[in-house]
């Protein structure tokens, strides 16, 4: 235990020292979780981004990565570190997310020519409208296009964009 006192000239003077109270600050099993030793590696960041794209939350992503590296003792970051990384990533791509969205659709169209999409930007270059249909949806419509539902749910995302799925019924009365 160490105690300091502030003296008149603004400096500090040691006034108490008990050597008998010394101990390790962190056990070897917990040293990897000290702030100085923590950090999400680039490999884990890339894997986390992939898991996020698959709609896996940070807690489950951490458990998946834990299984790959052989336990939590081999992970040098906490669930909160992953959440912080996710927040930083969202802030980083904030102004280019619409461009990333349309580029993703262009890649899909190159791989799958039956994939169709159209979009419209407003005067600020902000994504205003998007329509897309993959090859399976278009094929289903060609087979079962006699029953179609157009359902709009307003204000469901942070961009205040309307999401309106086209839903039909197949010959087994299942939604397509």
N, C-alpha and C. Protein backbone atom coordinates (compact mmCIF):
# COMPACT_ATOMS: atom_id res chain seq x y z
N UNK A 1 0.85 -1.17 0.00
CA UNK A 1 0.00 0.00 0.00
C UNK A 1 0.89 1.23 0.00
N UNK A 2 0.50 2.21 -0.79
CA UNK A 2 1.27 3.44 -0.91
C UNK A 2 0.31 4.61 -0.71
N UNK A 3 0.77 5.64 0.04
CA UNK A 3 -0.03 6.85 0.24
C UNK A 3 0.79 8.07 -0.08
N UNK A 4 0.19 9.03 -0.77
CA UNK A 4 0.86 10.28 -1.14
C UNK A 4 0.10 11.45 -0.56
N UNK A 5 0.86 12.54 -0.26
CA UNK A 5 0.27 13.80 0.21
C UNK A 5 0.72 14.90 -0.72
N UNK A 6 -0.20 15.82 -0.95
CA UNK A 6 0.15 16.98 -1.77
C UNK A 6 0.70 18.06 -0.83
N UNK A 7 1.87 18.60 -1.18
CA UNK A 7 2.49 19.64 -0.36
C UNK A 7 2.26 21.00 -0.99
N UNK A 8 2.68 22.06 -0.31
CA UNK A 8 2.38 23.44 -0.71
C UNK A 8 2.82 23.80 -2.12
N UNK A 9 3.93 23.30 -2.59
CA UNK A 9 4.42 23.69 -3.92
C UNK A 9 3.74 22.90 -5.05
N UNK A 10 2.70 22.12 -4.75
CA UNK A 10 1.94 21.39 -5.76
C UNK A 10 2.49 20.01 -6.07
N UNK A 11 3.58 19.64 -5.42
CA UNK A 11 4.16 18.31 -5.65
C UNK A 11 3.60 17.33 -4.64
N UNK A 12 3.87 16.06 -4.87
CA UNK A 12 3.40 14.99 -3.97
C UNK A 12 4.58 14.38 -3.24
N UNK A 13 4.33 14.00 -1.99
CA UNK A 13 5.35 13.38 -1.15
C UNK A 13 4.79 12.07 -0.63
N UNK A 14 5.63 11.04 -0.67
CA UNK A 14 5.25 9.73 -0.14
C UNK A 14 5.16 9.83 1.38
N UNK A 15 4.00 9.47 1.96
CA UNK A 15 3.88 9.55 3.41
C UNK A 15 3.56 8.20 4.04
N UNK A 16 3.16 7.22 3.25
CA UNK A 16 2.83 5.92 3.81
C UNK A 16 3.26 4.84 2.83
N UNK A 17 3.93 3.81 3.36
CA UNK A 17 4.33 2.68 2.52
C UNK A 17 4.32 1.42 3.37
N UNK A 18 3.51 0.44 2.99
CA UNK A 18 3.45 -0.84 3.69
C UNK A 18 3.81 -1.93 2.69
N UNK A 19 5.02 -2.45 2.81
CA UNK A 19 5.49 -3.46 1.87
C UNK A 19 4.74 -4.78 2.04
N UNK A 20 4.20 -5.06 3.20
CA UNK A 20 3.51 -6.31 3.46
C UNK A 20 2.24 -6.49 2.63
N UNK A 21 1.73 -5.43 2.05
CA UNK A 21 0.50 -5.51 1.28
C UNK A 21 0.74 -5.76 -0.21
N UNK A 22 1.98 -5.97 -0.62
CA UNK A 22 2.23 -6.15 -2.05
C UNK A 22 1.70 -7.50 -2.51
N UNK A 23 1.17 -7.51 -3.71
CA UNK A 23 0.65 -8.73 -4.34
C UNK A 23 0.62 -8.52 -5.84
N UNK A 24 0.39 -9.59 -6.56
CA UNK A 24 0.28 -9.47 -8.01
C UNK A 24 -0.95 -8.66 -8.35
N UNK A 25 -0.85 -7.78 -9.34
CA UNK A 25 -2.00 -7.00 -9.75
C UNK A 25 -3.01 -7.85 -10.52
N UNK A 26 -2.53 -8.81 -11.26
CA UNK A 26 -3.42 -9.71 -12.00
C UNK A 26 -2.78 -11.08 -12.03
N UNK A 27 -3.60 -12.10 -11.87
CA UNK A 27 -3.08 -13.47 -11.93
C UNK A 27 -2.72 -13.78 -13.38
N UNK A 28 -1.84 -14.73 -13.60
CA UNK A 28 -1.47 -15.08 -14.98
C UNK A 28 -2.68 -15.48 -15.84
N UNK A 29 -3.69 -16.10 -15.23
CA UNK A 29 -4.88 -16.51 -15.98
C UNK A 29 -5.71 -15.31 -16.45
N UNK A 30 -5.55 -14.16 -15.78
CA UNK A 30 -6.37 -12.99 -16.12
C UNK A 30 -5.58 -11.87 -16.77
N UNK A 31 -4.28 -12.04 -16.93
CA UNK A 31 -3.45 -10.97 -17.50
C UNK A 31 -3.86 -10.59 -18.91
N UNK A 32 -4.34 -11.55 -19.69
CA UNK A 32 -4.70 -11.26 -21.08
C UNK A 32 -5.89 -10.30 -21.17
N UNK A 33 -6.63 -10.11 -20.06
CA UNK A 33 -7.78 -9.22 -20.09
C UNK A 33 -7.48 -7.81 -19.55
N UNK A 34 -6.23 -7.53 -19.18
CA UNK A 34 -5.87 -6.18 -18.79
C UNK A 34 -5.95 -5.28 -20.03
N UNK A 35 -6.33 -4.03 -19.84
CA UNK A 35 -6.46 -3.11 -20.97
C UNK A 35 -5.20 -3.05 -21.83
N UNK A 36 -4.05 -3.12 -21.20
CA UNK A 36 -2.79 -3.03 -21.94
C UNK A 36 -2.55 -4.25 -22.82
N UNK A 37 -3.18 -5.37 -22.51
CA UNK A 37 -2.99 -6.59 -23.29
C UNK A 37 -4.16 -6.92 -24.21
N UNK A 38 -5.23 -6.13 -24.14
CA UNK A 38 -6.43 -6.43 -24.93
C UNK A 38 -6.37 -5.80 -26.29
N UNK A 39 -7.08 -6.40 -27.21
CA UNK A 39 -7.21 -5.85 -28.56
C UNK A 39 -7.75 -6.90 -29.50
N UNK A 40 -8.65 -6.51 -30.38
CA UNK A 40 -9.22 -7.43 -31.35
C UNK A 40 -8.27 -7.50 -32.53
N UNK A 41 -7.76 -8.69 -32.81
CA UNK A 41 -6.79 -8.85 -33.91
C UNK A 41 -7.47 -8.64 -35.25
N UNK A 42 -6.69 -8.39 -36.28
CA UNK A 42 -7.25 -8.16 -37.62
C UNK A 42 -7.96 -9.41 -38.14
N UNK A 43 -7.46 -10.58 -37.79
CA UNK A 43 -8.12 -11.83 -38.20
C UNK A 43 -9.49 -11.93 -37.56
N UNK A 44 -9.57 -11.63 -36.27
CA UNK A 44 -10.85 -11.69 -35.58
C UNK A 44 -11.80 -10.58 -36.03
N UNK A 45 -11.26 -9.43 -36.40
CA UNK A 45 -12.09 -8.34 -36.93
C UNK A 45 -12.75 -8.78 -38.23
N UNK A 46 -11.96 -9.38 -39.11
CA UNK A 46 -12.49 -9.85 -40.40
C UNK A 46 -13.54 -10.93 -40.18
N UNK A 47 -13.26 -11.87 -39.30
CA UNK A 47 -14.23 -12.92 -39.01
C UNK A 47 -15.49 -12.34 -38.39
N UNK A 48 -15.32 -11.38 -37.50
CA UNK A 48 -16.47 -10.74 -36.86
C UNK A 48 -17.33 -10.02 -37.89
N UNK A 49 -16.70 -9.33 -38.85
CA UNK A 49 -17.46 -8.65 -39.90
C UNK A 49 -18.27 -9.66 -40.71
N UNK A 50 -17.67 -10.81 -41.01
CA UNK A 50 -18.38 -11.85 -41.76
C UNK A 50 -19.55 -12.40 -40.95
N UNK A 51 -19.34 -12.62 -39.67
CA UNK A 51 -20.42 -13.13 -38.82
C UNK A 51 -21.54 -12.09 -38.68
N UNK A 52 -21.18 -10.82 -38.62
CA UNK A 52 -22.18 -9.75 -38.54
C UNK A 52 -23.01 -9.72 -39.82
N UNK A 53 -22.36 -9.93 -40.97
CA UNK A 53 -23.11 -9.97 -42.24
C UNK A 53 -24.10 -11.12 -42.26
N UNK A 54 -23.83 -12.17 -41.48
CA UNK A 54 -24.74 -13.30 -41.38
C UNK A 54 -25.74 -13.12 -40.24
N UNK A 55 -25.87 -11.88 -39.74
CA UNK A 55 -26.81 -11.52 -38.66
C UNK A 55 -26.55 -12.28 -37.37
N UNK A 56 -25.29 -12.46 -37.03
CA UNK A 56 -24.91 -13.09 -35.76
C UNK A 56 -24.48 -11.97 -34.82
N UNK A 57 -25.12 -11.90 -33.64
CA UNK A 57 -24.83 -10.81 -32.71
C UNK A 57 -23.44 -10.98 -32.08
N UNK A 58 -22.90 -9.90 -31.48
CA UNK A 58 -21.54 -9.95 -30.93
C UNK A 58 -21.33 -11.06 -29.89
N UNK A 59 -22.33 -11.33 -29.08
CA UNK A 59 -22.17 -12.37 -28.05
C UNK A 59 -21.98 -13.74 -28.69
N UNK A 60 -22.82 -14.07 -29.67
CA UNK A 60 -22.69 -15.36 -30.35
C UNK A 60 -21.42 -15.41 -31.18
N UNK A 61 -21.05 -14.30 -31.78
CA UNK A 61 -19.81 -14.24 -32.57
C UNK A 61 -18.61 -14.55 -31.67
N UNK A 62 -18.63 -14.01 -30.47
CA UNK A 62 -17.54 -14.26 -29.52
C UNK A 62 -17.46 -15.74 -29.17
N UNK A 63 -18.59 -16.37 -28.99
CA UNK A 63 -18.60 -17.81 -28.67
C UNK A 63 -18.09 -18.64 -29.85
N UNK A 64 -18.44 -18.24 -31.06
CA UNK A 64 -17.95 -18.96 -32.24
C UNK A 64 -16.43 -18.83 -32.34
N UNK A 65 -15.93 -17.63 -32.15
CA UNK A 65 -14.48 -17.40 -32.23
C UNK A 65 -13.78 -18.14 -31.09
N UNK A 66 -14.41 -18.15 -29.91
CA UNK A 66 -13.85 -18.87 -28.75
C UNK A 66 -13.64 -20.34 -29.09
N UNK A 67 -14.61 -20.95 -29.76
CA UNK A 67 -14.50 -22.35 -30.13
C UNK A 67 -13.36 -22.58 -31.12
N UNK A 68 -13.13 -21.62 -32.00
CA UNK A 68 -12.07 -21.76 -33.00
C UNK A 68 -10.68 -21.64 -32.39
N UNK A 69 -10.53 -20.82 -31.35
CA UNK A 69 -9.20 -20.60 -30.78
C UNK A 69 -8.93 -21.45 -29.54
N UNK A 70 -9.91 -22.23 -29.11
CA UNK A 70 -9.67 -23.15 -28.00
C UNK A 70 -10.01 -22.63 -26.63
N UNK A 71 -10.86 -21.64 -26.50
CA UNK A 71 -11.30 -21.17 -25.20
C UNK A 71 -11.14 -19.68 -25.01
N UNK A 72 -11.88 -19.18 -24.01
CA UNK A 72 -11.84 -17.75 -23.72
C UNK A 72 -10.46 -17.28 -23.28
N UNK A 73 -9.66 -18.17 -22.68
CA UNK A 73 -8.33 -17.77 -22.23
C UNK A 73 -7.42 -17.41 -23.41
N UNK A 74 -7.77 -17.84 -24.62
CA UNK A 74 -6.98 -17.54 -25.81
C UNK A 74 -7.51 -16.33 -26.57
N UNK A 75 -8.58 -15.73 -26.06
CA UNK A 75 -9.13 -14.52 -26.67
C UNK A 75 -8.65 -13.33 -25.87
N UNK A 76 -8.12 -12.32 -26.55
CA UNK A 76 -7.57 -11.15 -25.85
C UNK A 76 -8.52 -9.97 -25.86
N UNK A 77 -9.83 -10.21 -25.95
CA UNK A 77 -10.80 -9.13 -25.97
C UNK A 77 -12.11 -9.61 -25.36
N UNK A 78 -12.92 -8.66 -24.95
CA UNK A 78 -14.19 -8.97 -24.31
C UNK A 78 -15.34 -8.75 -25.30
N UNK A 79 -16.53 -9.12 -24.89
CA UNK A 79 -17.72 -8.88 -25.71
C UNK A 79 -17.90 -7.38 -25.94
N UNK A 80 -17.60 -6.59 -24.93
CA UNK A 80 -17.72 -5.13 -25.08
C UNK A 80 -16.72 -4.59 -26.10
N UNK A 81 -15.52 -5.18 -26.16
CA UNK A 81 -14.54 -4.77 -27.18
C UNK A 81 -15.10 -5.00 -28.58
N UNK A 82 -15.81 -6.13 -28.77
CA UNK A 82 -16.43 -6.41 -30.07
C UNK A 82 -17.53 -5.40 -30.37
N UNK A 83 -18.34 -5.08 -29.35
CA UNK A 83 -19.40 -4.10 -29.55
C UNK A 83 -18.81 -2.73 -29.90
N UNK A 84 -17.71 -2.36 -29.23
CA UNK A 84 -17.04 -1.10 -29.54
C UNK A 84 -16.51 -1.09 -30.97
N UNK A 85 -15.93 -2.23 -31.39
CA UNK A 85 -15.44 -2.35 -32.76
C UNK A 85 -16.59 -2.20 -33.75
N UNK A 86 -17.73 -2.83 -33.43
CA UNK A 86 -18.90 -2.74 -34.30
C UNK A 86 -19.40 -1.29 -34.40
N UNK A 87 -19.42 -0.59 -33.29
CA UNK A 87 -19.83 0.82 -33.28
C UNK A 87 -18.88 1.66 -34.13
N UNK A 88 -17.57 1.44 -33.96
CA UNK A 88 -16.56 2.16 -34.76
C UNK A 88 -16.72 1.87 -36.24
N UNK A 89 -17.00 0.61 -36.57
CA UNK A 89 -17.16 0.22 -37.96
C UNK A 89 -18.39 0.90 -38.58
N UNK A 90 -19.49 0.94 -37.83
CA UNK A 90 -20.70 1.60 -38.31
C UNK A 90 -20.46 3.10 -38.52
N UNK A 91 -19.72 3.71 -37.61
CA UNK A 91 -19.41 5.14 -37.75
C UNK A 91 -18.51 5.38 -38.97
N UNK A 92 -17.61 4.44 -39.23
CA UNK A 92 -16.68 4.57 -40.35
C UNK A 92 -17.40 4.49 -41.69
N UNK A 93 -18.38 3.59 -41.81
CA UNK A 93 -19.07 3.40 -43.09
C UNK A 93 -20.35 4.21 -43.22
N UNK A 94 -20.65 5.03 -42.21
CA UNK A 94 -21.91 5.76 -42.14
C UNK A 94 -22.24 6.51 -43.43
N UNK A 95 -21.30 7.22 -43.98
CA UNK A 95 -21.58 8.05 -45.15
C UNK A 95 -21.46 7.30 -46.47
N UNK A 96 -21.01 6.05 -46.44
CA UNK A 96 -20.87 5.32 -47.70
C UNK A 96 -21.70 4.04 -47.72
N UNK A 97 -22.62 3.88 -46.78
CA UNK A 97 -23.37 2.63 -46.72
C UNK A 97 -24.30 2.44 -47.92
N UNK A 98 -24.89 3.50 -48.45
CA UNK A 98 -25.76 3.37 -49.62
C UNK A 98 -24.94 2.93 -50.84
N UNK A 99 -23.75 3.50 -50.98
CA UNK A 99 -22.88 3.10 -52.09
C UNK A 99 -22.46 1.64 -51.94
N UNK A 100 -22.15 1.22 -50.72
CA UNK A 100 -21.79 -0.18 -50.47
C UNK A 100 -22.97 -1.10 -50.80
N UNK A 101 -24.17 -0.65 -50.45
CA UNK A 101 -25.39 -1.42 -50.71
C UNK A 101 -25.58 -1.64 -52.22
N UNK A 102 -25.47 -0.57 -53.01
CA UNK A 102 -25.67 -0.70 -54.45
C UNK A 102 -24.52 -1.47 -55.11
N UNK A 103 -23.30 -1.31 -54.62
CA UNK A 103 -22.17 -2.08 -55.15
C UNK A 103 -22.36 -3.57 -54.89
N UNK A 104 -22.90 -3.91 -53.74
CA UNK A 104 -23.19 -5.31 -53.42
C UNK A 104 -24.20 -5.88 -54.42
N UNK A 105 -25.23 -5.10 -54.74
CA UNK A 105 -26.23 -5.55 -55.71
C UNK A 105 -25.63 -5.69 -57.11
N UNK A 106 -24.71 -4.81 -57.46
CA UNK A 106 -24.05 -4.91 -58.77
C UNK A 106 -23.22 -6.19 -58.85
N UNK A 107 -22.53 -6.54 -57.75
CA UNK A 107 -21.77 -7.79 -57.73
C UNK A 107 -22.71 -8.99 -57.86
N UNK A 108 -23.86 -8.94 -57.16
CA UNK A 108 -24.83 -10.04 -57.26
C UNK A 108 -25.33 -10.17 -58.70
N UNK A 109 -25.56 -9.07 -59.36
CA UNK A 109 -26.05 -9.09 -60.72
C UNK A 109 -25.01 -9.67 -61.68
N UNK A 110 -23.74 -9.40 -61.43
CA UNK A 110 -22.67 -9.97 -62.26
C UNK A 110 -22.59 -11.48 -62.10
N UNK A 111 -22.79 -11.95 -60.87
CA UNK A 111 -22.72 -13.39 -60.58
C UNK A 111 -23.98 -14.10 -61.04
N UNK A 112 -25.12 -13.46 -60.83
CA UNK A 112 -26.42 -14.06 -61.14
C UNK A 112 -27.18 -13.10 -62.07
N UNK A 113 -27.11 -13.32 -63.39
CA UNK A 113 -27.74 -12.39 -64.34
C UNK A 113 -29.26 -12.25 -64.16
N UNK A 114 -29.93 -13.23 -63.54
CA UNK A 114 -31.37 -13.11 -63.33
C UNK A 114 -31.73 -12.20 -62.16
N UNK A 115 -30.72 -11.78 -61.39
CA UNK A 115 -30.95 -10.84 -60.29
C UNK A 115 -31.21 -9.46 -60.88
N UNK A 116 -32.29 -8.82 -60.45
CA UNK A 116 -32.64 -7.51 -60.97
C UNK A 116 -32.73 -6.52 -59.81
N UNK A 117 -32.23 -5.33 -60.04
CA UNK A 117 -32.41 -4.26 -59.06
C UNK A 117 -32.41 -2.92 -59.76
N UNK A 118 -33.09 -1.99 -59.14
CA UNK A 118 -33.12 -0.61 -59.60
C UNK A 118 -33.13 0.27 -58.36
N UNK A 119 -32.52 1.44 -58.47
CA UNK A 119 -32.49 2.35 -57.32
C UNK A 119 -32.55 3.78 -57.81
N UNK A 120 -32.89 4.66 -56.89
CA UNK A 120 -32.98 6.08 -57.20
C UNK A 120 -32.34 6.87 -56.06
N UNK A 121 -31.56 7.87 -56.42
CA UNK A 121 -30.93 8.74 -55.43
C UNK A 121 -31.65 10.09 -55.44
N UNK A 122 -31.65 10.76 -54.28
CA UNK A 122 -32.23 12.11 -54.26
C UNK A 122 -31.14 13.12 -54.64
N UNK A 123 -31.44 14.40 -54.56
CA UNK A 123 -30.50 15.44 -55.00
C UNK A 123 -29.21 15.45 -54.18
N UNK A 124 -29.26 14.96 -52.93
CA UNK A 124 -28.08 14.92 -52.08
C UNK A 124 -27.23 13.67 -52.31
N UNK A 125 -27.69 12.78 -53.19
CA UNK A 125 -26.97 11.52 -53.42
C UNK A 125 -27.34 10.46 -52.40
N UNK A 126 -28.40 10.71 -51.62
CA UNK A 126 -28.87 9.75 -50.63
C UNK A 126 -29.79 8.74 -51.31
N UNK A 127 -29.68 7.49 -50.92
CA UNK A 127 -30.51 6.44 -51.47
C UNK A 127 -31.97 6.72 -51.13
N UNK A 128 -32.81 6.80 -52.15
CA UNK A 128 -34.21 7.15 -51.94
C UNK A 128 -35.14 5.95 -52.12
N UNK A 129 -34.95 5.20 -53.22
CA UNK A 129 -35.78 4.04 -53.52
C UNK A 129 -34.90 2.90 -54.00
N UNK A 130 -35.25 1.67 -53.63
CA UNK A 130 -34.56 0.49 -54.11
C UNK A 130 -35.61 -0.58 -54.39
N UNK A 131 -35.46 -1.26 -55.51
CA UNK A 131 -36.31 -2.41 -55.82
C UNK A 131 -35.38 -3.53 -56.25
N UNK A 132 -35.62 -4.75 -55.75
CA UNK A 132 -34.82 -5.87 -56.21
C UNK A 132 -35.65 -7.14 -56.21
N UNK A 133 -35.25 -8.06 -57.08
CA UNK A 133 -35.86 -9.38 -57.15
C UNK A 133 -34.79 -10.35 -57.61
N UNK A 134 -34.59 -11.41 -56.83
CA UNK A 134 -33.59 -12.40 -57.23
C UNK A 134 -34.22 -13.36 -58.25
N UNK A 135 -33.40 -14.25 -58.78
CA UNK A 135 -33.85 -15.17 -59.82
C UNK A 135 -34.96 -16.09 -59.37
N UNK A 136 -34.89 -16.55 -58.12
CA UNK A 136 -35.92 -17.46 -57.59
C UNK A 136 -37.26 -16.72 -57.48
N UNK A 137 -37.24 -15.49 -57.00
CA UNK A 137 -38.48 -14.70 -56.89
C UNK A 137 -39.09 -14.47 -58.27
N UNK A 138 -38.26 -14.16 -59.23
CA UNK A 138 -38.77 -13.92 -60.59
C UNK A 138 -39.32 -15.20 -61.20
N UNK A 139 -38.66 -16.32 -60.96
CA UNK A 139 -39.14 -17.61 -61.46
C UNK A 139 -40.47 -17.96 -60.80
N UNK A 140 -40.56 -17.78 -59.48
CA UNK A 140 -41.81 -18.06 -58.77
C UNK A 140 -42.95 -17.19 -59.30
N UNK A 141 -42.67 -15.94 -59.61
CA UNK A 141 -43.70 -15.07 -60.14
C UNK A 141 -44.18 -15.56 -61.51
N UNK A 142 -43.24 -16.05 -62.32
CA UNK A 142 -43.65 -16.56 -63.65
C UNK A 142 -44.54 -17.80 -63.51
N UNK A 143 -44.34 -18.59 -62.46
CA UNK A 143 -45.15 -19.79 -62.26
C UNK A 143 -46.44 -19.50 -61.51
N UNK A 144 -46.36 -18.66 -60.46
CA UNK A 144 -47.49 -18.46 -59.54
C UNK A 144 -47.87 -16.99 -59.41
N UNK A 145 -47.89 -16.25 -60.48
CA UNK A 145 -48.12 -14.82 -60.41
C UNK A 145 -49.56 -14.39 -60.30
N UNK A 146 -50.48 -15.34 -60.13
CA UNK A 146 -51.89 -14.95 -60.10
C UNK A 146 -52.34 -14.42 -58.75
N UNK A 147 -51.63 -14.71 -57.66
CA UNK A 147 -51.95 -14.18 -56.33
C UNK A 147 -50.72 -13.42 -55.84
N UNK A 148 -50.92 -12.14 -55.56
CA UNK A 148 -49.79 -11.32 -55.15
C UNK A 148 -50.25 -10.35 -54.07
N UNK A 149 -49.45 -10.23 -53.01
CA UNK A 149 -49.75 -9.30 -51.93
C UNK A 149 -48.62 -8.27 -51.87
N UNK A 150 -49.00 -7.02 -51.71
CA UNK A 150 -48.03 -5.93 -51.59
C UNK A 150 -48.24 -5.33 -50.21
N UNK A 151 -47.31 -5.60 -49.28
CA UNK A 151 -47.48 -5.19 -47.89
C UNK A 151 -46.46 -4.10 -47.55
N UNK A 152 -46.94 -2.96 -47.10
CA UNK A 152 -46.02 -1.89 -46.71
C UNK A 152 -46.02 -1.72 -45.20
N UNK A 153 -44.84 -1.67 -44.65
CA UNK A 153 -44.69 -1.34 -43.23
C UNK A 153 -43.80 -0.10 -43.19
N UNK A 154 -44.30 0.95 -42.62
CA UNK A 154 -43.60 2.23 -42.68
C UNK A 154 -42.66 2.43 -41.50
N UNK A 155 -41.56 3.13 -41.76
CA UNK A 155 -40.65 3.60 -40.72
C UNK A 155 -40.05 2.46 -39.91
N UNK A 156 -39.60 1.41 -40.58
CA UNK A 156 -39.06 0.26 -39.87
C UNK A 156 -37.55 0.29 -39.71
N UNK A 157 -36.87 1.23 -40.38
CA UNK A 157 -35.43 1.27 -40.19
C UNK A 157 -34.96 2.70 -39.91
N UNK A 158 -33.70 2.84 -39.60
CA UNK A 158 -33.18 4.16 -39.20
C UNK A 158 -33.16 5.16 -40.34
N UNK A 159 -33.32 4.68 -41.58
CA UNK A 159 -33.31 5.58 -42.72
C UNK A 159 -34.71 6.04 -43.09
N UNK A 160 -35.70 5.60 -42.34
CA UNK A 160 -37.10 5.95 -42.56
C UNK A 160 -37.55 5.57 -43.97
N UNK A 161 -37.01 4.46 -44.48
CA UNK A 161 -37.40 3.95 -45.79
C UNK A 161 -38.50 2.90 -45.62
N UNK A 162 -39.44 2.90 -46.53
CA UNK A 162 -40.53 1.93 -46.51
C UNK A 162 -40.00 0.60 -47.03
N UNK A 163 -40.31 -0.46 -46.32
CA UNK A 163 -39.99 -1.80 -46.80
C UNK A 163 -41.29 -2.45 -47.22
N UNK A 164 -41.38 -2.83 -48.48
CA UNK A 164 -42.63 -3.37 -49.02
C UNK A 164 -42.37 -4.65 -49.78
N UNK A 165 -42.47 -5.81 -49.13
CA UNK A 165 -42.24 -7.07 -49.84
C UNK A 165 -43.44 -7.46 -50.70
N UNK A 166 -43.16 -8.05 -51.85
CA UNK A 166 -44.18 -8.65 -52.70
C UNK A 166 -44.23 -10.12 -52.32
N UNK A 167 -45.38 -10.60 -51.92
CA UNK A 167 -45.54 -11.98 -51.48
C UNK A 167 -46.61 -12.65 -52.32
N UNK A 168 -46.34 -13.86 -52.75
CA UNK A 168 -47.31 -14.62 -53.52
C UNK A 168 -47.52 -16.00 -52.90
N UNK A 169 -48.40 -16.78 -53.49
CA UNK A 169 -48.68 -18.14 -53.03
C UNK A 169 -48.31 -19.12 -54.15
N UNK A 170 -47.68 -20.22 -53.78
CA UNK A 170 -47.41 -21.25 -54.78
C UNK A 170 -48.58 -22.23 -54.84
N UNK A 171 -48.43 -23.31 -55.61
CA UNK A 171 -49.53 -24.25 -55.78
C UNK A 171 -49.84 -25.06 -54.52
N UNK A 172 -49.00 -24.97 -53.49
CA UNK A 172 -49.23 -25.63 -52.21
C UNK A 172 -49.73 -24.62 -51.16
N UNK A 173 -50.07 -23.44 -51.61
CA UNK A 173 -50.53 -22.34 -50.77
C UNK A 173 -49.48 -21.91 -49.75
N UNK A 174 -48.22 -22.01 -50.12
CA UNK A 174 -47.12 -21.54 -49.30
C UNK A 174 -46.64 -20.20 -49.83
N UNK A 175 -46.20 -19.33 -48.94
CA UNK A 175 -45.73 -18.01 -49.35
C UNK A 175 -44.42 -18.10 -50.12
N UNK A 176 -44.36 -17.35 -51.21
CA UNK A 176 -43.13 -17.22 -51.98
C UNK A 176 -42.89 -15.76 -52.25
